[in-house]
Amino acid sequence: MGVALPILVAGLGGAALALALAELLGSIPAVRRYVGSAAAALVRTRREGRFPTVIERRRLGVLTGATLATLTLTVAGPGPAVALAGLGPWLAGKLISRGAQRYRAGLEQAVPEIARGLADGIGSGGSLRRGLVDLAPTLEGPAATELGRVCADLELGVAPRAALTAMAARSDSPEVVELIAAVSSQERSGGDLVGLLRRLAEAAEARQRVRAEARSATAQARLTGGMVIAMPVAVGLLIELVAPGFLGGLIGDPLAAVLVAVALGLQLCAWIVIQRLGGVRT
């Protein structure tokens, strides 16, 4: 009980401080617009596949750097806070890259559904244009967004092949490029497009099943990689809550600071190696 009480009080104090800062910053219109613009850019990357502009990336980097500095300042003091604030742009880039990857993964997941939908539309006697227009409202997520853009291009008079080629360029996905290349080649040279689309759908589903099985087989390795980073950090924060000033004093000693930096570097290398060994390449 004697150890748990300071931890509980420190946690409640940190939560209260965070809420107070959020209320203070939210009451300032300029800050609210700044934060809203950066957050909206990140959301658009995840939901619409749109990369932020240079100004939005700069704002997101400043916001993540300020957040890291504030969190570190409350735990380890101003010295580490200044150092970690410089990681803001790197972390912002990682968040943007992760959002783009999730968007592409969602689009690739819908490739079998797109192929079968087009096959059904064309097989019933419709054209490729008609099949795209009928298919778009039935999709969800990134696939609905991309097919919506294709339909918007079609309404402007763009040829179906050109609209699909633009979609392939935006997606940066080999599976989407394969699907659209097959549609374009069959439309140009003729042949059994319906049968080809159904075979592509089956092949895409088979690849997705293999990737899912591989991720399940390597789940323990990825969990281990996360624990490599999380456990020392969690223990350090716990000690800091029990004995405030521990991390600041540790980093203040030059020899201890060097040893901590080396240990963090080795942990980061171990995490990268584990992620590479346990990752699933597509």
Protein backbone atom coordinates (compact mmCIF):
# COMPACT_ATOMS: atom_id res chain seq x y z
CA MET A 1 0.00 0.00 0.00
CA GLY A 2 2.88 2.33 0.79
CA VAL A 3 4.30 1.91 -2.73
CA ALA A 4 0.97 1.91 -4.55
CA LEU A 5 -0.25 5.18 -3.05
CA PRO A 6 2.51 7.40 -4.55
CA ILE A 7 2.01 5.72 -7.92
CA LEU A 8 -1.73 6.33 -7.77
CA VAL A 9 -1.29 9.94 -6.72
CA ALA A 10 1.31 10.53 -9.46
CA GLY A 11 -0.99 8.98 -12.09
CA LEU A 12 -3.94 11.11 -11.01
CA GLY A 13 -1.74 14.20 -10.97
CA GLY A 14 -0.47 13.50 -14.47
CA ALA A 15 -4.00 12.95 -15.77
CA ALA A 16 -5.20 16.18 -14.17
CA LEU A 17 -2.25 18.09 -15.68
CA ALA A 18 -2.96 16.65 -19.12
CA LEU A 19 -6.65 17.62 -18.90
CA ALA A 20 -5.75 21.10 -17.73
CA LEU A 21 -3.32 21.62 -20.61
CA ALA A 22 -5.88 20.29 -23.10
CA GLU A 23 -8.52 22.70 -21.80
CA LEU A 24 -6.08 25.61 -21.83
CA LEU A 25 -4.84 24.98 -25.36
CA GLY A 26 -8.34 24.20 -26.62
CA SER A 27 -9.55 27.59 -25.43
CA ILE A 28 -7.08 29.38 -27.74
CA PRO A 29 -8.56 29.49 -31.28
CA ALA A 30 -5.20 29.64 -33.08
CA VAL A 31 -3.86 26.63 -31.21
CA ARG A 32 -7.10 24.73 -31.76
CA ARG A 33 -6.92 25.35 -35.50
CA TYR A 34 -3.24 24.38 -35.58
CA VAL A 35 -3.84 21.09 -33.77
CA GLY A 36 -6.99 20.40 -35.78
CA SER A 37 -5.19 20.90 -39.08
CA ALA A 38 -2.40 18.49 -38.12
CA ALA A 39 -4.82 15.86 -36.82
CA ALA A 40 -7.07 16.16 -39.88
CA ALA A 41 -4.10 15.63 -42.19
CA LEU A 42 -3.22 12.41 -40.38
CA VAL A 43 -6.84 11.20 -40.51
CA ARG A 44 -7.05 11.90 -44.25
CA THR A 45 -3.96 9.79 -44.82
CA ARG A 46 -5.57 6.83 -43.05
CA ARG A 47 -9.05 7.20 -44.54
CA GLU A 48 -8.49 8.68 -47.98
CA GLY A 49 -4.88 7.88 -48.82
CA ARG A 50 -4.03 11.58 -49.23
CA PHE A 51 -0.52 12.52 -48.13
CA PRO A 52 -0.27 15.72 -46.07
CA THR A 53 1.13 18.85 -47.65
CA VAL A 54 4.49 20.27 -46.60
CA ILE A 55 2.82 22.72 -44.21
CA GLU A 56 0.67 19.97 -42.68
CA ARG A 57 3.69 17.70 -42.22
CA ARG A 58 5.55 20.55 -40.54
CA ARG A 59 2.63 21.18 -38.19
CA LEU A 60 2.35 17.50 -37.37
CA GLY A 61 6.08 17.34 -36.64
CA VAL A 62 5.88 20.34 -34.30
CA LEU A 63 2.84 18.88 -32.55
CA THR A 64 4.42 15.45 -31.98
CA GLY A 65 7.68 17.06 -30.83
CA ALA A 66 5.83 19.26 -28.33
CA THR A 67 3.90 16.26 -27.05
CA LEU A 68 7.08 14.21 -26.56
CA ALA A 69 8.79 17.14 -24.84
CA THR A 70 5.86 17.70 -22.47
CA LEU A 71 5.62 14.05 -21.48
CA THR A 72 9.38 13.75 -20.97
CA LEU A 73 9.55 17.02 -19.04
CA THR A 74 7.12 15.75 -16.42
CA VAL A 75 9.16 12.55 -15.94
CA ALA A 76 12.85 13.14 -16.61
CA GLY A 77 13.39 16.90 -16.63
CA PRO A 78 14.31 19.48 -19.28
CA GLY A 79 17.46 17.82 -20.63
CA PRO A 80 15.89 14.65 -22.01
CA ALA A 81 12.80 16.65 -23.03
CA VAL A 82 14.88 18.78 -25.40
CA ALA A 83 16.52 15.69 -26.89
CA LEU A 84 13.26 13.82 -27.44
CA ALA A 85 11.53 16.88 -28.89
CA GLY A 86 13.86 16.54 -31.89
CA LEU A 87 12.25 13.16 -32.63
CA GLY A 88 8.95 14.89 -33.40
CA PRO A 89 9.42 15.10 -37.20
CA TRP A 90 10.64 11.49 -37.33
CA LEU A 91 7.63 10.28 -35.35
CA ALA A 92 5.29 12.35 -37.52
CA GLY A 93 6.78 10.73 -40.62
CA LYS A 94 6.28 7.29 -39.10
CA LEU A 95 2.64 8.06 -38.31
CA ILE A 96 2.03 9.24 -41.86
CA SER A 97 3.80 6.20 -43.33
CA ARG A 98 1.83 3.84 -41.08
CA GLY A 99 -1.44 5.50 -42.10
CA ALA A 100 -0.58 5.14 -45.79
CA GLN A 101 0.33 1.47 -45.28
CA ARG A 102 -2.98 0.77 -43.54
CA TYR A 103 -4.86 2.47 -46.36
CA ARG A 104 -3.04 0.39 -48.97
CA ALA A 105 -3.60 -2.80 -46.97
CA GLY A 106 -7.32 -2.05 -46.79
CA LEU A 107 -7.44 -1.51 -50.54
CA GLU A 108 -5.55 -4.75 -51.21
CA GLN A 109 -7.94 -6.61 -48.92
CA ALA A 110 -10.82 -5.56 -51.18
CA VAL A 111 -9.18 -6.71 -54.45
CA PRO A 112 -11.11 -10.02 -54.54
CA GLU A 113 -14.38 -8.17 -53.93
CA ILE A 114 -13.61 -5.65 -56.67
CA ALA A 115 -12.66 -8.38 -59.14
CA ARG A 116 -15.79 -10.42 -58.44
CA GLY A 117 -18.02 -7.35 -58.56
CA LEU A 118 -16.66 -6.35 -61.95
CA ALA A 119 -16.98 -9.95 -63.18
CA ASP A 120 -20.63 -10.06 -62.11
CA GLY A 121 -21.38 -6.71 -63.73
CA ILE A 122 -19.69 -7.52 -67.02
CA GLY A 123 -20.97 -11.10 -67.03
CA SER A 124 -24.57 -9.87 -66.83
CA GLY A 125 -24.14 -7.99 -70.10
CA GLY A 126 -22.94 -4.61 -68.81
CA SER A 127 -19.92 -2.61 -69.89
CA LEU A 128 -16.81 -1.96 -67.83
CA ARG A 129 -17.99 1.60 -67.18
CA ARG A 130 -21.39 0.39 -65.99
CA GLY A 131 -19.77 -2.26 -63.82
CA LEU A 132 -17.56 0.33 -62.10
CA VAL A 133 -20.49 2.68 -61.46
CA ASP A 134 -22.65 -0.12 -60.03
CA LEU A 135 -19.85 -1.56 -57.91
CA ALA A 136 -18.65 1.63 -56.18
CA PRO A 137 -21.67 2.11 -53.82
CA THR A 138 -21.40 -1.49 -52.56
CA LEU A 139 -17.84 -1.13 -51.25
CA GLU A 140 -16.52 0.21 -47.96
CA GLY A 141 -13.30 1.74 -46.69
CA PRO A 142 -10.36 2.52 -49.00
CA ALA A 143 -11.95 0.54 -51.88
CA ALA A 144 -15.04 2.75 -51.76
CA THR A 145 -12.86 5.86 -51.74
CA GLU A 146 -10.80 4.77 -54.75
CA LEU A 147 -13.77 3.53 -56.79
CA GLY A 148 -15.55 6.78 -55.95
CA ARG A 149 -12.64 8.70 -57.48
CA VAL A 150 -12.75 6.45 -60.54
CA CYS A 151 -16.48 7.13 -60.96
CA ALA A 152 -15.84 10.86 -60.58
CA ASP A 153 -13.30 10.64 -63.40
CA LEU A 154 -15.81 8.74 -65.52
CA GLU A 155 -18.41 11.47 -65.00
CA LEU A 156 -15.87 14.00 -66.28
CA GLY A 157 -15.49 12.00 -69.50
CA VAL A 158 -12.30 10.10 -68.69
CA ALA A 159 -12.05 6.68 -70.36
CA PRO A 160 -12.42 3.70 -67.98
CA ARG A 161 -8.91 2.46 -68.80
CA ALA A 162 -7.38 5.86 -67.99
CA ALA A 163 -9.40 6.18 -64.77
CA LEU A 164 -8.28 2.74 -63.62
CA THR A 165 -4.67 3.48 -64.55
CA ALA A 166 -4.81 6.59 -62.36
CA MET A 167 -6.16 4.46 -59.52
CA ALA A 168 -3.25 2.02 -59.92
CA ALA A 169 -0.77 4.90 -59.77
CA ARG A 170 -2.37 6.28 -56.60
CA SER A 171 -2.52 2.93 -54.84
CA ASP A 172 1.16 1.97 -55.23
CA SER A 173 0.05 -1.64 -54.71
CA PRO A 174 1.24 -4.58 -56.84
CA GLU A 175 -2.08 -6.40 -56.38
CA VAL A 176 -4.13 -3.42 -57.55
CA VAL A 177 -1.74 -2.85 -60.46
CA GLU A 178 -2.10 -6.52 -61.44
CA LEU A 179 -5.89 -6.32 -61.38
CA ILE A 180 -6.08 -3.15 -63.43
CA ALA A 181 -3.44 -4.34 -65.90
CA ALA A 182 -5.50 -7.47 -66.53
CA VAL A 183 -8.68 -5.45 -67.07
CA SER A 184 -6.93 -3.02 -69.42
CA SER A 185 -5.22 -5.73 -71.47
CA GLN A 186 -8.40 -7.77 -71.88
CA GLU A 187 -10.38 -4.69 -72.82
CA ARG A 188 -7.80 -3.84 -75.46
CA SER A 189 -7.18 -7.30 -76.92
CA GLY A 190 -10.42 -9.11 -76.08
CA GLY A 191 -10.88 -12.47 -74.39
CA ASP A 192 -12.74 -13.93 -71.43
CA LEU A 193 -12.52 -10.96 -69.04
CA VAL A 194 -15.12 -12.41 -66.67
CA GLY A 195 -13.19 -15.66 -66.25
CA LEU A 196 -9.92 -13.79 -65.79
CA LEU A 197 -11.42 -11.57 -63.08
CA ARG A 198 -12.76 -14.58 -61.19
CA ARG A 199 -9.35 -16.30 -61.34
CA LEU A 200 -7.69 -13.11 -60.10
CA ALA A 201 -10.14 -12.96 -57.20
CA GLU A 202 -9.34 -16.55 -56.22
CA ALA A 203 -5.59 -15.93 -56.47
CA ALA A 204 -5.84 -12.75 -54.36
CA GLU A 205 -7.81 -14.57 -51.67
CA ALA A 206 -5.22 -17.37 -51.63
CA ARG A 207 -2.42 -14.83 -51.12
CA GLN A 208 -4.35 -13.18 -48.30
CA ARG A 209 -4.87 -16.53 -46.56
CA VAL A 210 -1.15 -17.30 -46.78
CA ARG A 211 -0.25 -13.88 -45.36
CA ALA A 212 -2.73 -14.32 -42.51
CA GLU A 213 -1.24 -17.71 -41.63
CA ALA A 214 2.27 -16.27 -41.74
CA ARG A 215 1.28 -13.42 -39.42
CA SER A 216 -0.24 -15.90 -36.99
CA ALA A 217 2.94 -17.97 -37.03
CA THR A 218 5.14 -14.93 -36.31
CA ALA A 219 2.86 -13.24 -33.76
CA GLN A 220 5.02 -14.38 -30.84
CA ALA A 221 8.15 -12.93 -32.42
CA ARG A 222 6.48 -9.56 -32.92
CA LEU A 223 5.20 -9.60 -29.33
CA THR A 224 8.71 -10.32 -28.11
CA GLY A 225 10.02 -7.38 -30.11
CA GLY A 226 7.52 -5.07 -28.46
CA MET A 227 8.41 -6.34 -25.00
CA VAL A 228 12.10 -5.69 -25.68
CA ILE A 229 11.31 -1.98 -25.90
CA ALA A 230 8.37 -1.72 -23.51
CA MET A 231 9.69 -3.52 -20.42
CA PRO A 232 12.80 -1.38 -19.70
CA VAL A 233 10.84 1.81 -20.36
CA ALA A 234 8.00 0.69 -18.09
CA VAL A 235 10.42 -0.26 -15.30
CA GLY A 236 12.21 3.09 -15.60
CA LEU A 237 8.93 5.01 -15.39
CA LEU A 238 7.82 2.93 -12.41
CA ILE A 239 11.06 3.69 -10.56
CA GLU A 240 10.67 7.38 -11.41
CA LEU A 241 7.16 7.40 -9.94
CA VAL A 242 8.34 5.70 -6.75
CA ALA A 243 11.53 7.78 -6.45
CA PRO A 244 11.07 11.10 -8.33
CA GLY A 245 14.30 12.44 -9.80
CA PHE A 246 15.85 9.03 -10.39
CA LEU A 247 15.94 9.34 -14.19
CA GLY A 248 17.15 12.92 -14.05
CA GLY A 249 20.01 11.98 -11.75
CA LEU A 250 20.85 8.95 -13.87
CA ILE A 251 21.07 10.95 -17.07
CA GLY A 252 22.96 13.72 -15.28
CA ASP A 253 25.90 11.39 -14.68
CA PRO A 254 27.97 11.35 -17.94
CA LEU A 255 29.04 7.71 -17.60
CA ALA A 256 25.52 6.56 -16.74
CA ALA A 257 24.10 8.58 -19.63
CA VAL A 258 26.49 6.88 -22.06
CA LEU A 259 25.56 3.45 -20.73
CA VAL A 260 21.84 4.25 -21.00
CA ALA A 261 22.31 5.47 -24.57
CA VAL A 262 24.21 2.28 -25.49
CA ALA A 263 21.55 0.11 -23.85
CA LEU A 264 18.76 1.91 -25.72
CA GLY A 265 20.67 1.56 -28.96
CA LEU A 266 21.12 -2.18 -28.45
CA GLN A 267 17.43 -2.56 -27.59
CA LEU A 268 16.45 -0.68 -30.73
CA CYS A 269 18.72 -2.88 -32.85
CA ALA A 270 17.23 -6.00 -31.24
CA TRP A 271 13.71 -4.76 -31.93
CA ILE A 272 14.54 -4.05 -35.59
CA VAL A 273 16.11 -7.50 -36.02
CA ILE A 274 13.14 -9.24 -34.39
CA GLN A 275 10.66 -7.29 -36.53
CA ARG A 276 12.57 -8.15 -39.70
CA LEU A 277 12.82 -11.83 -38.79
CA GLY A 278 9.17 -12.02 -37.79
CA GLY A 279 7.80 -9.72 -40.48
CA VAL A 280 5.68 -10.89 -43.38
CA ARG A 281 6.84 -9.54 -46.72
CA THR A 282 4.17 -8.94 -49.35
